[in-house]
């Protein structure tokens, strides 16, 4: 019985890593599984980030906020430009991009899906501020 459980957990872990997308920030670009999807400009030592589609049109901002001492006090403020929506979420920048891709907020050309953006904000906003 333990071996069946162990095998099930092993295959579940393998399937999660097989389907996760690899997000990489490289020289002003965001690459997903090696494919360029967004342009990225970071200011203030990485605290203020602007993400644009491949044509250079700004799509959203991510600001990293430190609200106290300790590692669990960091959070992100995300501003979606065209929809005028904003949210806060407790995660790191790379994981936020990965989640936006998984929830199909970011299209393959780096533009945003408005309906999915609304759903994402209503589902994941931590209401920190």
N, C-alpha and C. Protein backbone atom coordinates (compact mmCIF):
# COMPACT_ATOMS: atom_id res chain seq x y z
N UNK A 1 0.82 -1.19 0.00
CA UNK A 1 0.00 0.00 0.00
C UNK A 1 0.86 1.26 0.00
N UNK A 2 1.94 1.26 0.79
CA UNK A 2 2.82 2.43 0.83
C UNK A 2 3.50 2.64 -0.51
N UNK A 3 3.84 1.54 -1.18
CA UNK A 3 4.52 1.68 -2.47
C UNK A 3 3.59 2.30 -3.52
N UNK A 4 2.29 1.95 -3.48
CA UNK A 4 1.34 2.54 -4.41
C UNK A 4 1.21 4.04 -4.17
N UNK A 5 1.16 4.41 -2.90
CA UNK A 5 1.06 5.84 -2.56
C UNK A 5 2.31 6.58 -3.01
N UNK A 6 3.46 5.98 -2.77
CA UNK A 6 4.73 6.59 -3.17
C UNK A 6 4.82 6.74 -4.68
N UNK A 7 4.39 5.75 -5.41
CA UNK A 7 4.41 5.81 -6.88
C UNK A 7 3.46 6.90 -7.37
N UNK A 8 2.28 6.99 -6.77
CA UNK A 8 1.31 8.03 -7.15
C UNK A 8 1.87 9.42 -6.91
N UNK A 9 2.47 9.63 -5.75
CA UNK A 9 3.07 10.93 -5.44
C UNK A 9 4.20 11.24 -6.41
N UNK A 10 5.02 10.25 -6.73
CA UNK A 10 6.13 10.44 -7.67
C UNK A 10 5.62 10.90 -9.03
N UNK A 11 4.61 10.21 -9.58
CA UNK A 11 4.10 10.58 -10.89
C UNK A 11 3.38 11.93 -10.88
N UNK A 12 2.74 12.26 -9.77
CA UNK A 12 2.12 13.57 -9.63
C UNK A 12 3.17 14.67 -9.66
N UNK A 13 4.26 14.46 -8.95
CA UNK A 13 5.35 15.44 -8.92
C UNK A 13 5.97 15.59 -10.30
N UNK A 14 6.16 14.51 -11.00
CA UNK A 14 6.71 14.55 -12.37
C UNK A 14 5.77 15.32 -13.29
N UNK A 15 4.47 15.08 -13.19
CA UNK A 15 3.53 15.77 -14.07
C UNK A 15 3.51 17.27 -13.80
N UNK A 16 3.67 17.68 -12.54
CA UNK A 16 3.70 19.11 -12.23
C UNK A 16 4.91 19.79 -12.86
N UNK A 17 6.06 19.17 -12.78
CA UNK A 17 7.26 19.78 -13.35
C UNK A 17 7.24 19.73 -14.87
N UNK A 18 6.60 18.73 -15.43
CA UNK A 18 6.55 18.62 -16.89
C UNK A 18 5.70 19.72 -17.51
N UNK A 19 4.67 20.17 -16.81
CA UNK A 19 3.76 21.16 -17.36
C UNK A 19 4.02 22.58 -16.88
N UNK A 20 4.93 22.77 -15.95
CA UNK A 20 5.21 24.13 -15.49
C UNK A 20 6.03 24.87 -16.54
N UNK A 21 5.79 26.15 -16.62
CA UNK A 21 6.48 26.97 -17.61
C UNK A 21 7.71 27.60 -16.97
N UNK A 22 8.80 27.59 -17.72
CA UNK A 22 10.03 28.18 -17.22
C UNK A 22 10.06 29.65 -17.63
N UNK A 23 10.04 30.53 -16.63
CA UNK A 23 10.06 31.97 -16.85
C UNK A 23 11.47 32.47 -16.55
N UNK A 24 12.03 33.25 -17.49
CA UNK A 24 13.38 33.77 -17.32
C UNK A 24 13.41 35.25 -17.73
N UNK A 25 14.04 36.06 -16.89
CA UNK A 25 14.27 37.47 -17.20
C UNK A 25 15.67 37.58 -17.77
N UNK A 26 15.80 38.08 -19.01
CA UNK A 26 17.10 38.12 -19.66
C UNK A 26 17.23 39.36 -20.54
N UNK A 27 18.10 40.27 -20.14
CA UNK A 27 18.47 41.43 -20.95
C UNK A 27 17.25 42.22 -21.45
N UNK A 28 16.34 42.55 -20.53
CA UNK A 28 15.18 43.36 -20.90
C UNK A 28 14.04 42.59 -21.52
N UNK A 29 14.13 41.27 -21.51
CA UNK A 29 13.08 40.43 -22.09
C UNK A 29 12.58 39.44 -21.05
N UNK A 30 11.36 38.99 -21.23
CA UNK A 30 10.83 37.88 -20.44
C UNK A 30 10.67 36.72 -21.41
N UNK A 31 11.35 35.64 -21.09
CA UNK A 31 11.29 34.44 -21.91
C UNK A 31 10.46 33.38 -21.18
N UNK A 32 9.57 32.72 -21.90
CA UNK A 32 8.79 31.63 -21.36
C UNK A 32 9.13 30.39 -22.17
N UNK A 33 9.72 29.42 -21.51
CA UNK A 33 10.19 28.21 -22.18
C UNK A 33 11.08 28.56 -23.38
N UNK A 34 11.90 29.60 -23.21
CA UNK A 34 12.86 30.01 -24.24
C UNK A 34 12.30 30.92 -25.31
N UNK A 35 11.02 31.23 -25.27
CA UNK A 35 10.38 32.07 -26.28
C UNK A 35 10.12 33.46 -25.70
N UNK A 36 10.53 34.49 -26.43
CA UNK A 36 10.33 35.88 -26.01
C UNK A 36 8.84 36.19 -26.02
N UNK A 37 8.33 36.71 -24.88
CA UNK A 37 6.90 37.01 -24.79
C UNK A 37 6.62 38.43 -24.35
N UNK A 38 7.51 39.02 -23.54
CA UNK A 38 7.33 40.37 -23.03
C UNK A 38 8.65 41.12 -23.04
N UNK A 39 8.56 42.44 -23.07
CA UNK A 39 9.71 43.29 -22.81
C UNK A 39 9.61 43.73 -21.35
N UNK A 40 10.75 43.95 -20.73
CA UNK A 40 10.78 44.23 -19.30
C UNK A 40 11.79 45.32 -18.98
N UNK A 41 11.35 46.34 -18.25
CA UNK A 41 12.24 47.40 -17.77
C UNK A 41 12.11 47.44 -16.26
N UNK A 42 13.24 47.40 -15.59
CA UNK A 42 13.27 47.41 -14.13
C UNK A 42 14.00 48.65 -13.65
N UNK A 43 13.41 49.35 -12.67
CA UNK A 43 14.04 50.54 -12.09
C UNK A 43 14.05 50.41 -10.57
N UNK A 44 14.80 51.28 -9.94
CA UNK A 44 14.88 51.32 -8.47
C UNK A 44 15.29 49.96 -7.91
N UNK A 45 16.38 49.43 -8.44
CA UNK A 45 16.94 48.15 -7.98
C UNK A 45 15.92 47.01 -8.05
N UNK A 46 15.11 47.00 -9.09
CA UNK A 46 14.15 45.93 -9.29
C UNK A 46 12.83 46.11 -8.58
N UNK A 47 12.65 47.23 -7.91
CA UNK A 47 11.41 47.46 -7.16
C UNK A 47 10.26 47.89 -8.07
N UNK A 48 10.56 48.61 -9.15
CA UNK A 48 9.53 49.09 -10.09
C UNK A 48 9.78 48.44 -11.44
N UNK A 49 8.79 47.72 -11.94
CA UNK A 49 8.94 46.95 -13.17
C UNK A 49 7.82 47.28 -14.15
N UNK A 50 8.21 47.51 -15.40
CA UNK A 50 7.25 47.77 -16.47
C UNK A 50 7.33 46.62 -17.47
N UNK A 51 6.18 46.07 -17.82
CA UNK A 51 6.11 44.97 -18.78
C UNK A 51 5.33 45.43 -19.99
N UNK A 52 5.92 45.23 -21.18
CA UNK A 52 5.32 45.65 -22.44
C UNK A 52 5.21 44.46 -23.36
N UNK A 53 4.27 44.55 -24.32
CA UNK A 53 4.17 43.48 -25.31
C UNK A 53 5.36 43.61 -26.27
N UNK A 54 5.43 42.76 -27.26
CA UNK A 54 6.59 42.72 -28.15
C UNK A 54 6.68 43.94 -29.07
N UNK A 55 5.58 44.71 -29.19
CA UNK A 55 5.62 45.93 -29.99
C UNK A 55 6.06 47.13 -29.15
N UNK A 56 6.17 46.93 -27.83
CA UNK A 56 6.60 48.00 -26.94
C UNK A 56 5.46 48.69 -26.21
N UNK A 57 4.21 48.28 -26.45
CA UNK A 57 3.06 48.88 -25.76
C UNK A 57 3.02 48.38 -24.32
N UNK A 58 3.01 49.31 -23.37
CA UNK A 58 2.99 48.94 -21.95
C UNK A 58 1.69 48.22 -21.62
N UNK A 59 1.84 47.10 -20.91
CA UNK A 59 0.69 46.28 -20.55
C UNK A 59 0.39 46.33 -19.05
N UNK A 60 1.43 46.22 -18.21
CA UNK A 60 1.21 46.26 -16.77
C UNK A 60 2.50 46.61 -16.05
N UNK A 61 2.32 47.06 -14.80
CA UNK A 61 3.44 47.38 -13.91
C UNK A 61 3.39 46.42 -12.73
N UNK A 62 4.56 46.05 -12.24
CA UNK A 62 4.66 45.30 -10.99
C UNK A 62 5.63 46.05 -10.10
N UNK A 63 5.14 46.47 -8.94
CA UNK A 63 5.98 47.13 -7.94
C UNK A 63 6.15 46.18 -6.77
N UNK A 64 7.40 46.01 -6.33
CA UNK A 64 7.68 45.18 -5.16
C UNK A 64 7.66 46.08 -3.93
N UNK A 65 6.90 45.67 -2.93
CA UNK A 65 6.70 46.48 -1.73
C UNK A 65 7.16 45.69 -0.50
N UNK A 66 7.92 46.35 0.35
CA UNK A 66 8.37 45.76 1.60
C UNK A 66 7.65 46.48 2.73
N UNK A 67 6.75 45.79 3.41
CA UNK A 67 5.89 46.43 4.39
C UNK A 67 6.33 46.21 5.84
N UNK A 68 7.52 45.74 6.05
CA UNK A 68 8.00 45.50 7.41
C UNK A 68 9.30 44.74 7.38
N UNK A 69 9.67 44.19 8.50
CA UNK A 69 10.92 43.42 8.54
C UNK A 69 10.61 41.94 8.41
N UNK A 70 11.52 41.24 7.80
CA UNK A 70 11.35 39.81 7.62
C UNK A 70 10.96 39.45 6.20
N UNK A 71 11.22 38.20 5.83
CA UNK A 71 10.99 37.77 4.45
C UNK A 71 9.51 37.66 4.06
N UNK A 72 8.62 37.52 5.00
CA UNK A 72 7.20 37.34 4.66
C UNK A 72 6.44 38.65 4.55
N UNK A 73 7.14 39.76 4.58
CA UNK A 73 6.46 41.05 4.50
C UNK A 73 6.51 41.65 3.10
N UNK A 74 7.12 40.96 2.13
CA UNK A 74 7.16 41.42 0.75
C UNK A 74 5.85 41.06 0.06
N UNK A 75 5.40 41.96 -0.79
CA UNK A 75 4.28 41.64 -1.66
C UNK A 75 4.41 42.46 -2.94
N UNK A 76 3.59 42.15 -3.91
CA UNK A 76 3.61 42.84 -5.20
C UNK A 76 2.33 43.62 -5.39
N UNK A 77 2.47 44.80 -5.98
CA UNK A 77 1.32 45.57 -6.48
C UNK A 77 1.37 45.45 -8.00
N UNK A 78 0.29 44.99 -8.58
CA UNK A 78 0.22 44.84 -10.03
C UNK A 78 -0.84 45.80 -10.56
N UNK A 79 -0.45 46.62 -11.54
CA UNK A 79 -1.35 47.58 -12.18
C UNK A 79 -1.52 47.16 -13.65
N UNK A 80 -2.74 46.85 -14.05
CA UNK A 80 -3.04 46.50 -15.44
C UNK A 80 -3.50 47.78 -16.14
N UNK A 81 -2.72 48.27 -17.08
CA UNK A 81 -2.87 49.62 -17.62
C UNK A 81 -4.19 49.84 -18.35
N UNK A 82 -4.49 49.07 -19.38
CA UNK A 82 -5.67 49.32 -20.20
C UNK A 82 -6.98 49.12 -19.45
N UNK A 83 -7.01 48.19 -18.52
CA UNK A 83 -8.24 47.90 -17.78
C UNK A 83 -8.38 48.76 -16.53
N UNK A 84 -7.31 49.46 -16.16
CA UNK A 84 -7.29 50.29 -14.96
C UNK A 84 -7.58 49.48 -13.69
N UNK A 85 -7.20 48.20 -13.70
CA UNK A 85 -7.36 47.33 -12.55
C UNK A 85 -6.04 47.26 -11.80
N UNK A 86 -6.12 47.06 -10.48
CA UNK A 86 -4.90 46.87 -9.70
C UNK A 86 -5.18 45.85 -8.62
N UNK A 87 -4.11 45.26 -8.13
CA UNK A 87 -4.22 44.23 -7.11
C UNK A 87 -2.93 44.10 -6.33
N UNK A 88 -3.00 43.40 -5.22
CA UNK A 88 -1.81 43.03 -4.47
C UNK A 88 -1.80 41.51 -4.34
N UNK A 89 -0.59 40.96 -4.29
CA UNK A 89 -0.44 39.51 -4.19
C UNK A 89 0.87 39.20 -3.48
N UNK A 90 0.85 38.19 -2.64
CA UNK A 90 2.05 37.79 -1.90
C UNK A 90 2.76 36.69 -2.68
N UNK A 91 3.68 37.10 -3.51
CA UNK A 91 4.50 36.17 -4.27
C UNK A 91 5.70 36.93 -4.81
N UNK A 92 6.57 36.26 -5.50
CA UNK A 92 7.70 36.93 -6.14
C UNK A 92 7.36 37.19 -7.60
N UNK A 93 8.10 38.09 -8.22
CA UNK A 93 7.81 38.55 -9.58
C UNK A 93 7.73 37.40 -10.59
N UNK A 94 8.69 36.51 -10.55
CA UNK A 94 8.72 35.41 -11.52
C UNK A 94 7.49 34.51 -11.37
N UNK A 95 7.10 34.22 -10.14
CA UNK A 95 5.91 33.39 -9.92
C UNK A 95 4.63 34.12 -10.32
N UNK A 96 4.61 35.44 -10.16
CA UNK A 96 3.45 36.22 -10.59
C UNK A 96 3.28 36.12 -12.11
N UNK A 97 4.38 36.24 -12.85
CA UNK A 97 4.33 36.11 -14.31
C UNK A 97 3.85 34.72 -14.69
N UNK A 98 4.39 33.71 -14.02
CA UNK A 98 3.99 32.33 -14.30
C UNK A 98 2.48 32.15 -14.06
N UNK A 99 1.97 32.71 -12.97
CA UNK A 99 0.54 32.59 -12.65
C UNK A 99 -0.32 33.34 -13.68
N UNK A 100 0.15 34.52 -14.11
CA UNK A 100 -0.57 35.26 -15.15
C UNK A 100 -0.65 34.46 -16.45
N UNK A 101 0.40 33.73 -16.76
CA UNK A 101 0.40 32.88 -17.96
C UNK A 101 -0.53 31.68 -17.79
N UNK A 102 -0.45 31.03 -16.63
CA UNK A 102 -1.30 29.86 -16.37
C UNK A 102 -2.78 30.21 -16.44
N UNK A 103 -3.13 31.39 -15.94
CA UNK A 103 -4.53 31.82 -15.94
C UNK A 103 -4.93 32.52 -17.24
N UNK A 104 -4.05 32.49 -18.22
CA UNK A 104 -4.27 33.04 -19.56
C UNK A 104 -4.62 34.52 -19.53
N UNK A 105 -4.01 35.25 -18.60
CA UNK A 105 -4.12 36.70 -18.58
C UNK A 105 -3.20 37.29 -19.64
N UNK A 106 -2.00 36.74 -19.74
CA UNK A 106 -1.03 37.16 -20.77
C UNK A 106 -1.18 36.25 -21.97
N UNK A 107 -1.43 36.85 -23.14
CA UNK A 107 -1.48 36.10 -24.39
C UNK A 107 -0.06 35.81 -24.88
N UNK A 108 0.06 34.94 -25.85
CA UNK A 108 1.38 34.56 -26.36
C UNK A 108 2.14 35.71 -27.00
N UNK A 109 1.43 36.77 -27.42
CA UNK A 109 2.10 37.93 -28.01
C UNK A 109 2.38 39.03 -26.97
N UNK A 110 2.13 38.72 -25.69
CA UNK A 110 2.43 39.67 -24.62
C UNK A 110 1.30 40.63 -24.30
N UNK A 111 0.22 40.59 -25.06
CA UNK A 111 -0.94 41.43 -24.75
C UNK A 111 -1.74 40.77 -23.63
N UNK A 112 -2.70 41.51 -23.08
CA UNK A 112 -3.51 40.98 -21.99
C UNK A 112 -4.92 40.65 -22.46
N UNK A 113 -5.47 39.60 -21.90
CA UNK A 113 -6.85 39.22 -22.12
C UNK A 113 -7.68 39.91 -21.04
N UNK A 114 -8.53 40.85 -21.42
CA UNK A 114 -9.27 41.68 -20.46
C UNK A 114 -10.18 40.86 -19.55
N UNK A 115 -10.93 39.94 -20.11
CA UNK A 115 -11.84 39.13 -19.28
C UNK A 115 -11.06 38.28 -18.27
N UNK A 116 -9.97 37.68 -18.71
CA UNK A 116 -9.16 36.87 -17.80
C UNK A 116 -8.46 37.73 -16.76
N UNK A 117 -8.13 38.97 -17.12
CA UNK A 117 -7.54 39.90 -16.16
C UNK A 117 -8.53 40.19 -15.04
N UNK A 118 -9.77 40.46 -15.39
CA UNK A 118 -10.81 40.73 -14.38
C UNK A 118 -10.99 39.54 -13.45
N UNK A 119 -11.04 38.34 -14.01
CA UNK A 119 -11.20 37.13 -13.21
C UNK A 119 -9.99 36.94 -12.30
N UNK A 120 -8.80 37.15 -12.83
CA UNK A 120 -7.57 36.99 -12.06
C UNK A 120 -7.56 37.93 -10.86
N UNK A 121 -7.88 39.18 -11.09
CA UNK A 121 -7.88 40.18 -10.01
C UNK A 121 -8.91 39.80 -8.94
N UNK A 122 -10.12 39.42 -9.36
CA UNK A 122 -11.14 39.09 -8.38
C UNK A 122 -10.79 37.80 -7.61
N UNK A 123 -10.05 36.92 -8.23
CA UNK A 123 -9.71 35.64 -7.59
C UNK A 123 -8.47 35.74 -6.67
N UNK A 124 -7.45 36.48 -7.09
CA UNK A 124 -6.16 36.44 -6.39
C UNK A 124 -5.79 37.70 -5.63
N UNK A 125 -6.59 38.76 -5.73
CA UNK A 125 -6.23 39.99 -5.02
C UNK A 125 -6.21 39.74 -3.51
N UNK A 126 -5.06 40.03 -2.88
CA UNK A 126 -4.91 39.81 -1.43
C UNK A 126 -5.44 40.96 -0.60
N UNK A 127 -5.84 42.04 -1.23
CA UNK A 127 -6.39 43.22 -0.55
C UNK A 127 -5.48 43.70 0.58
N UNK A 128 -4.18 43.77 0.30
CA UNK A 128 -3.22 44.19 1.32
C UNK A 128 -3.31 45.70 1.54
N UNK A 129 -3.60 46.44 0.49
CA UNK A 129 -3.77 47.88 0.66
C UNK A 129 -5.01 48.35 -0.03
